Amino acid sequence: MRQKLFTFFLMIFPVIVWGQNSGTYAFTFLEEPVSARMMALGQSGLAIYDNDITLALANPSLINKEMNNDLAFSYVHYFTGINYGQVQYAGNLRRLGSFLLSVQSLNYGKFDYATVNGTREGTFGAADYALAVGWGRVLNEHFSIGATGRLINSYYESYSSFGFSVDVAGTYRNDKGWTASLVASHIGLQLKGFVSGVTAPLPFNLSLAASKKMDHAPFRFTLVADHLEKWDLTYRNPVDPIGTVDPITGDTIPLTGVSGFADKLMRHIIVGTELYLGKNVVLRLGYNYRRRQELALAERKGLVGFSWGFGIRISRFQINYARSTYHVSGSPNYFTVTTSLDSFRTARYR
């Protein structure tokens, strides 16, 4: 039975990739991670198999029985008063595998109604929501698979949209500390668009991730090859075109040859590392080349594309913090608190 499940899982990946469309996407908030740990690694933490419930939402094949009764709260202090939060819980279904529940909310705050003359006439709100149920099953000591289903709702003023998505993933682990995962995210439909009769595809992403924890050094390295379903991820901005500038004419010379190939390749790559300082403290650093190329100012790039953070274990709580530089004008702050409800039960009956 396990072999049949894994074979079926491998067979559906080509179908998933073939069935996706390009263009304008719906529910793009799903691409933004809420986990402080994942963001500190530049979004490269998809293949870390250490029972972290916050990573399992992005990669359901990480869900396992060791997460039973784990609870996590995440909060992002985003730009301009935007608040982003998530609550997660994991449990076991005995022989059926393990499950994960998640409620995700992105609130854009209040906006003013105003006439053409600037007279204010009340306020309105805007928000995105996602309710997710994930399932994971360990097939043997090396392989695990998982899937997550989501119901998605967005409302902006009097306009609303509804849809669903599915993530599927598989993970391989060996005895030398290597972990590799293949994850297909946001496979689904916008069932109801903001405008009647107009719908858009979801932001599908096929990723290949790997991580390695060193045997004789306190490091873990992470790597993600993102959006494998599309080779050229270049965003062409006519105001700030990519390439070198001709010193005589001032015209932009597009990247070609080896430089063009390297630029397109690196837009798929996200790297990160963790440094363990004892059992209770970990430092993290990540780099996202694509984010840097798309969001940095040509005259002042700063640390755009870089992210950093740390994790501290205090008593029964794991506290993670991250800061990711999207622009020189500001950086969101990410907070995640994780605990095991079983630890409180054990302490109560001592």
Protein backbone atom coordinates (compact mmCIF):
# COMPACT_ATOMS: atom_id res chain seq x y z
CA MET A 1 0.00 0.00 0.00
CA ARG A 2 2.80 2.44 0.88
CA GLN A 3 4.55 1.76 -2.41
CA LYS A 4 1.32 2.41 -4.34
CA LEU A 5 0.79 5.70 -2.51
CA PHE A 6 4.30 6.90 -3.29
CA THR A 7 4.06 5.79 -6.95
CA PHE A 8 0.76 7.65 -7.36
CA PHE A 9 2.27 10.74 -5.74
CA LEU A 10 5.16 10.77 -8.23
CA MET A 11 2.83 10.28 -11.20
CA ILE A 12 0.62 13.29 -10.47
CA PHE A 13 3.43 15.86 -10.52
CA PRO A 14 3.70 16.07 -14.36
CA VAL A 15 -0.08 16.51 -14.59
CA ILE A 16 0.00 19.30 -12.02
CA VAL A 17 2.73 21.24 -13.83
CA TRP A 18 1.10 20.85 -17.24
CA GLY A 19 -2.24 22.11 -15.97
CA GLN A 20 -1.07 25.54 -14.77
CA ASN A 21 -1.60 28.85 -16.55
CA SER A 22 0.41 32.05 -16.56
CA GLY A 23 -0.77 35.63 -16.17
CA THR A 24 -2.40 37.62 -13.37
CA TYR A 25 -2.89 35.58 -10.20
CA ALA A 26 -5.53 35.45 -7.49
CA PHE A 27 -4.85 35.10 -3.74
CA THR A 28 -1.17 36.05 -4.01
CA PHE A 29 -1.04 36.49 -0.22
CA LEU A 30 -0.59 32.70 -0.07
CA GLU A 31 2.97 33.17 -1.35
CA GLU A 32 3.95 35.18 1.70
CA PRO A 33 5.10 32.96 4.58
CA VAL A 34 4.05 33.79 8.12
CA SER A 35 6.62 31.53 9.82
CA ALA A 36 9.45 33.60 11.32
CA ARG A 37 11.87 30.73 10.83
CA MET A 38 11.11 30.32 7.14
CA MET A 39 11.36 34.04 6.47
CA ALA A 40 14.67 34.31 8.34
CA LEU A 41 16.01 31.71 5.91
CA GLY A 42 14.79 33.71 2.92
CA GLN A 43 11.90 31.24 2.41
CA SER A 44 14.38 28.38 1.96
CA GLY A 45 13.28 26.23 4.91
CA LEU A 46 11.09 23.81 2.96
CA ALA A 47 13.26 20.73 3.58
CA ILE A 48 14.02 20.83 7.31
CA TYR A 49 12.70 17.68 8.96
CA ASP A 50 12.92 18.52 12.67
CA ASN A 51 9.24 18.53 13.69
CA ASP A 52 8.68 22.27 13.25
CA ILE A 53 4.93 22.73 12.80
CA THR A 54 5.37 26.15 11.15
CA LEU A 55 7.38 24.67 8.27
CA ALA A 56 4.89 21.84 7.77
CA LEU A 57 2.21 24.19 6.48
CA ALA A 58 4.41 25.10 3.49
CA ASN A 59 5.56 21.49 3.05
CA PRO A 60 2.90 18.99 4.19
CA SER A 61 5.24 16.00 3.78
CA LEU A 62 6.99 17.28 6.95
CA ILE A 63 3.85 16.59 9.03
CA ASN A 64 4.52 13.66 11.37
CA LYS A 65 3.41 12.15 14.68
CA GLU A 66 6.13 13.95 16.67
CA MET A 67 4.13 17.17 16.16
CA ASN A 68 1.13 15.75 18.04
CA ASN A 69 -0.53 18.46 20.16
CA ASP A 70 1.90 21.15 18.99
CA LEU A 71 0.50 24.67 18.78
CA ALA A 72 1.96 27.72 17.02
CA PHE A 73 1.07 31.41 16.81
CA SER A 74 2.62 33.66 14.18
CA TYR A 75 2.31 37.40 13.69
CA VAL A 76 3.80 39.73 11.09
CA HIS A 77 4.05 43.47 11.64
CA TYR A 78 3.80 44.31 7.97
CA PHE A 79 3.88 47.61 6.09
CA THR A 80 1.59 50.58 6.79
CA GLY A 81 -0.49 49.04 9.54
CA ILE A 82 -1.14 45.75 7.71
CA ASN A 83 -1.39 42.83 10.13
CA TYR A 84 -0.74 39.22 9.15
CA GLY A 85 -1.37 36.32 11.53
CA GLN A 86 -1.71 32.56 11.72
CA VAL A 87 -2.64 29.86 14.24
CA GLN A 88 -1.63 26.20 13.74
CA TYR A 89 -2.33 22.94 15.54
CA ALA A 90 -1.15 19.38 14.76
CA GLY A 91 -2.43 15.98 15.86
CA ASN A 92 -2.37 12.28 14.98
CA LEU A 93 -4.89 10.01 13.27
CA ARG A 94 -3.19 6.76 14.30
CA ARG A 95 -2.73 4.57 11.21
CA LEU A 96 -4.11 7.21 8.86
CA GLY A 97 -1.22 9.58 9.48
CA SER A 98 -0.94 13.00 11.07
CA PHE A 99 -2.88 16.20 10.43
CA LEU A 100 -2.43 19.95 10.73
CA LEU A 101 -5.04 22.71 11.07
CA SER A 102 -4.30 26.33 10.24
CA VAL A 103 -6.20 29.62 10.18
CA GLN A 104 -4.51 32.46 8.31
CA SER A 105 -5.54 36.12 8.20
CA LEU A 106 -4.16 39.18 6.41
CA ASN A 107 -5.92 42.39 7.45
CA TYR A 108 -5.22 45.54 5.46
CA GLY A 109 -6.85 47.87 7.99
CA LYS A 110 -9.46 50.57 7.52
CA PHE A 111 -9.84 52.87 4.52
CA ASP A 112 -11.84 56.07 4.11
CA TYR A 113 -14.78 56.52 1.81
CA ALA A 114 -14.51 59.96 0.18
CA THR A 115 -16.35 62.00 -2.43
CA VAL A 116 -14.63 63.57 -5.43
CA ASN A 117 -14.33 66.73 -3.32
CA GLY A 118 -12.47 64.89 -0.56
CA THR A 119 -15.36 64.75 1.90
CA ARG A 120 -15.06 61.65 4.08
CA GLU A 121 -18.14 59.45 4.32
CA GLY A 122 -17.24 56.51 6.54
CA THR A 123 -14.75 53.68 6.30
CA PHE A 124 -14.42 50.19 4.80
CA GLY A 125 -12.14 47.21 5.34
CA ALA A 126 -10.16 44.68 3.31
CA ALA A 127 -8.80 41.27 4.30
CA ASP A 128 -7.72 37.83 3.09
CA TYR A 129 -8.43 34.54 4.92
CA ALA A 130 -7.40 30.92 4.47
CA LEU A 131 -8.49 27.83 6.37
CA ALA A 132 -6.12 24.90 5.80
CA VAL A 133 -6.20 21.20 6.66
CA GLY A 134 -2.98 19.28 6.09
CA TRP A 135 -2.20 15.57 6.15
CA GLY A 136 1.15 13.80 6.28
CA ARG A 137 2.23 10.17 6.31
CA VAL A 138 5.66 8.66 6.92
CA LEU A 139 6.07 5.75 4.48
CA ASN A 140 9.35 4.43 5.88
CA GLU A 141 12.56 5.75 7.44
CA HIS A 142 13.46 7.61 4.24
CA PHE A 143 10.23 8.75 2.56
CA SER A 144 7.18 10.77 3.60
CA ILE A 145 4.33 12.39 1.66
CA GLY A 146 1.66 14.95 2.45
CA ALA A 147 -1.07 17.22 1.13
CA THR A 148 -2.82 20.37 2.30
CA GLY A 149 -6.22 21.69 1.25
CA ARG A 150 -7.29 25.31 1.68
CA LEU A 151 -10.51 27.28 1.53
CA ILE A 152 -9.69 30.88 0.61
CA ASN A 153 -11.76 34.03 0.97
CA SER A 154 -10.93 37.67 0.20
CA TYR A 155 -13.07 40.75 0.62
CA TYR A 156 -12.20 44.31 -0.38
CA GLU A 157 -14.94 46.79 0.46
CA SER A 158 -18.11 45.36 -1.16
CA TYR A 159 -16.17 42.99 -3.44
CA SER A 160 -15.45 39.40 -2.45
CA SER A 161 -13.77 36.34 -3.88
CA PHE A 162 -13.71 32.65 -2.97
CA GLY A 163 -11.53 29.71 -4.01
CA PHE A 164 -9.67 26.62 -2.95
CA SER A 165 -6.15 25.26 -3.33
CA VAL A 166 -4.17 22.08 -2.71
CA ASP A 167 -0.48 21.56 -1.95
CA VAL A 168 1.20 18.18 -2.43
CA ALA A 169 4.72 17.26 -1.38
CA GLY A 170 7.19 14.44 -0.92
CA THR A 171 10.33 14.31 1.22
CA TYR A 172 13.39 12.05 1.19
CA ARG A 173 15.87 11.74 4.07
CA ASN A 174 19.09 9.74 4.22
CA ASP A 175 21.41 8.64 7.00
CA LYS A 176 23.99 11.35 6.28
CA GLY A 177 21.83 14.29 7.32
CA TRP A 178 20.52 15.27 3.88
CA THR A 179 16.84 16.08 3.36
CA ALA A 180 15.24 16.84 -0.01
CA SER A 181 11.64 17.81 -0.78
CA LEU A 182 9.58 18.33 -3.92
CA VAL A 183 6.63 20.65 -3.27
CA ALA A 184 3.81 21.71 -5.59
CA SER A 185 1.97 24.65 -4.00
CA HIS A 186 -1.31 26.48 -4.69
CA ILE A 187 -2.94 24.11 -7.16
CA GLY A 188 -6.51 25.29 -7.37
CA LEU A 189 -9.20 27.61 -8.67
CA GLN A 190 -10.75 30.95 -7.99
CA LEU A 191 -14.37 29.85 -7.92
CA LYS A 192 -15.79 33.36 -7.56
CA GLY A 193 -13.93 36.44 -8.74
CA PHE A 194 -14.25 40.00 -7.51
CA VAL A 195 -16.01 40.82 -10.78
CA SER A 196 -18.74 38.53 -12.07
CA GLY A 197 -17.51 36.16 -14.74
CA VAL A 198 -13.82 37.11 -14.29
CA THR A 199 -11.48 34.68 -12.53
CA ALA A 200 -7.71 34.21 -12.41
CA PRO A 201 -5.38 31.27 -11.75
CA LEU A 202 -3.65 30.80 -8.42
CA PRO A 203 0.11 31.47 -7.97
CA PHE A 204 1.29 27.90 -8.60
CA ASN A 205 4.83 27.08 -7.50
CA LEU A 206 6.86 23.91 -8.06
CA SER A 207 9.89 23.88 -5.75
CA LEU A 208 12.78 21.55 -5.11
CA ALA A 209 14.37 22.05 -1.69
CA ALA A 210 17.29 20.56 0.20
CA SER A 211 18.97 20.95 3.57
CA LYS A 212 22.01 19.51 5.27
CA LYS A 213 22.91 19.61 8.95
CA MET A 214 26.65 19.29 9.40
CA ASP A 215 27.89 16.33 11.44
CA HIS A 216 30.85 18.04 13.11
CA ALA A 217 29.87 21.71 12.98
CA PRO A 218 26.88 23.65 14.42
CA PHE A 219 25.51 24.60 10.98
CA ARG A 220 22.59 23.74 8.78
CA PHE A 221 22.49 24.88 5.15
CA THR A 222 19.25 25.24 3.19
CA LEU A 223 18.59 25.66 -0.52
CA VAL A 224 15.43 26.08 -2.60
CA ALA A 225 15.06 26.03 -6.38
CA ASP A 226 11.83 28.00 -6.73
CA HIS A 227 9.24 28.13 -9.55
CA LEU A 228 10.65 25.27 -11.59
CA GLU A 229 7.54 25.34 -13.78
CA LYS A 230 8.76 28.53 -15.48
CA TRP A 231 12.32 29.31 -16.57
CA ASP A 232 12.25 33.09 -17.07
CA LEU A 233 11.04 34.83 -13.90
CA THR A 234 12.39 38.23 -14.96
CA TYR A 235 10.17 41.17 -14.13
CA ARG A 236 10.70 43.76 -16.86
CA ASN A 237 10.26 47.24 -15.45
CA PRO A 238 10.46 49.91 -18.19
CA VAL A 239 11.35 52.53 -15.57
CA ASP A 240 14.27 50.50 -14.19
CA PRO A 241 15.32 48.01 -16.91
CA ILE A 242 17.73 45.20 -16.13
CA GLY A 243 21.21 45.33 -17.66
CA THR A 244 24.24 47.56 -17.90
CA VAL A 245 24.17 51.18 -19.03
CA ASP A 246 26.02 52.39 -22.11
CA PRO A 247 28.35 55.17 -20.84
CA ILE A 248 27.98 57.16 -24.07
CA THR A 249 24.30 56.91 -24.96
CA GLY A 250 22.90 56.14 -21.52
CA ASP A 251 20.81 53.34 -22.99
CA THR A 252 20.37 50.06 -21.14
CA ILE A 253 22.17 47.06 -22.62
CA PRO A 254 20.11 43.92 -21.84
CA LEU A 255 21.80 40.97 -20.16
CA THR A 256 22.65 38.26 -22.68
CA GLY A 257 24.85 35.19 -22.96
CA VAL A 258 26.36 33.88 -19.72
CA SER A 259 25.25 36.93 -17.72
CA GLY A 260 21.66 36.58 -18.89
CA PHE A 261 21.63 32.85 -18.19
CA ALA A 262 23.12 33.35 -14.70
CA ASP A 263 20.58 36.06 -13.88
CA LYS A 264 17.64 33.85 -14.88
CA LEU A 265 19.08 30.88 -12.97
CA MET A 266 19.69 32.82 -9.77
CA ARG A 267 16.12 34.12 -9.74
CA HIS A 268 15.10 30.56 -8.86
CA ILE A 269 17.62 30.16 -6.02
CA ILE A 270 17.09 30.94 -2.33
CA VAL A 271 19.75 30.07 0.24
CA GLY A 272 19.86 30.11 4.03
CA THR A 273 21.86 28.92 7.01
CA GLU A 274 21.34 28.25 10.71
CA LEU A 275 24.04 28.53 13.36
CA TYR A 276 23.34 26.65 16.59
CA LEU A 277 24.68 28.23 19.78
CA GLY A 278 24.03 25.41 22.22
CA LYS A 279 20.66 23.69 22.52
CA ASN A 280 18.48 26.75 23.09
CA VAL A 281 19.73 29.48 20.74
CA VAL A 282 19.98 29.53 16.94
CA LEU A 283 20.91 32.34 14.55
CA ARG A 284 19.60 32.44 10.96
CA LEU A 285 20.45 34.19 7.71
CA GLY A 286 18.87 34.02 4.26
CA TYR A 287 19.29 35.50 0.79
CA ASN A 288 16.68 35.79 -1.97
CA TYR A 289 18.29 36.97 -5.23
CA ARG A 290 15.01 37.46 -7.07
CA ARG A 291 13.60 39.68 -4.34
CA ARG A 292 16.74 41.80 -4.43
CA GLN A 293 16.60 42.22 -8.21
CA GLU A 294 12.92 43.15 -8.22
CA LEU A 295 12.67 45.42 -5.18
CA ALA A 296 16.07 47.07 -4.70
CA LEU A 297 16.67 50.61 -5.96
CA ALA A 298 19.40 50.86 -8.58
CA GLU A 299 21.10 53.76 -6.78
CA ARG A 300 20.74 52.28 -3.30
CA LYS A 301 20.31 48.53 -2.94
CA GLY A 302 21.10 48.27 0.77
CA LEU A 303 20.26 44.85 2.27
CA VAL A 304 17.21 44.23 0.09
CA GLY A 305 16.87 40.49 -0.47
CA PHE A 306 18.58 39.57 2.78
CA SER A 307 16.79 38.30 5.87
CA TRP A 308 17.92 37.33 9.33
CA GLY A 309 16.53 36.11 12.63
CA PHE A 310 17.00 33.99 15.68
CA GLY A 311 15.27 31.35 17.77
CA ILE A 312 15.31 30.99 21.55
CA ARG A 313 13.87 28.19 23.64
CA ILE A 314 12.55 29.38 27.01
CA SER A 315 11.03 26.71 29.21
CA ARG A 316 8.22 25.10 27.15
CA PHE A 317 8.22 27.76 24.42
CA GLN A 318 10.20 28.14 21.20
CA ILE A 319 10.29 31.82 20.22
CA ASN A 320 11.41 32.79 16.72
CA TYR A 321 11.97 36.27 15.30
CA ALA A 322 12.86 37.38 11.77
CA ARG A 323 13.35 40.57 9.84
CA SER A 324 13.23 40.56 6.06
CA THR A 325 14.39 43.53 3.98
CA TYR A 326 11.96 44.14 1.12
CA HIS A 327 12.91 47.76 0.55
CA VAL A 328 15.35 50.33 1.89
CA SER A 329 12.39 52.23 3.36
CA GLY A 330 11.31 49.44 5.71
CA SER A 331 11.33 45.80 6.72
CA PRO A 332 8.54 43.62 8.17
CA ASN A 333 9.01 41.96 11.55
CA TYR A 334 8.02 38.30 12.02
CA PHE A 335 7.22 36.65 15.35
CA THR A 336 6.38 32.98 15.99
CA VAL A 337 5.76 31.18 19.29
CA THR A 338 5.54 27.38 19.32
CA THR A 339 4.77 25.04 22.19
CA SER A 340 3.61 21.50 22.91
CA LEU A 341 0.38 21.14 24.86
CA ASP A 342 1.65 17.77 26.11
CA SER A 343 4.45 19.52 27.99
CA PHE A 344 1.91 21.36 30.16
CA ARG A 345 0.04 18.11 30.85
CA THR A 346 3.28 16.39 31.90
CA ALA A 347 4.23 19.25 34.20
CA ARG A 348 0.76 19.27 35.81
CA TYR A 349 0.91 15.63 36.90
CA ARG A 350 4.48 15.64 38.23
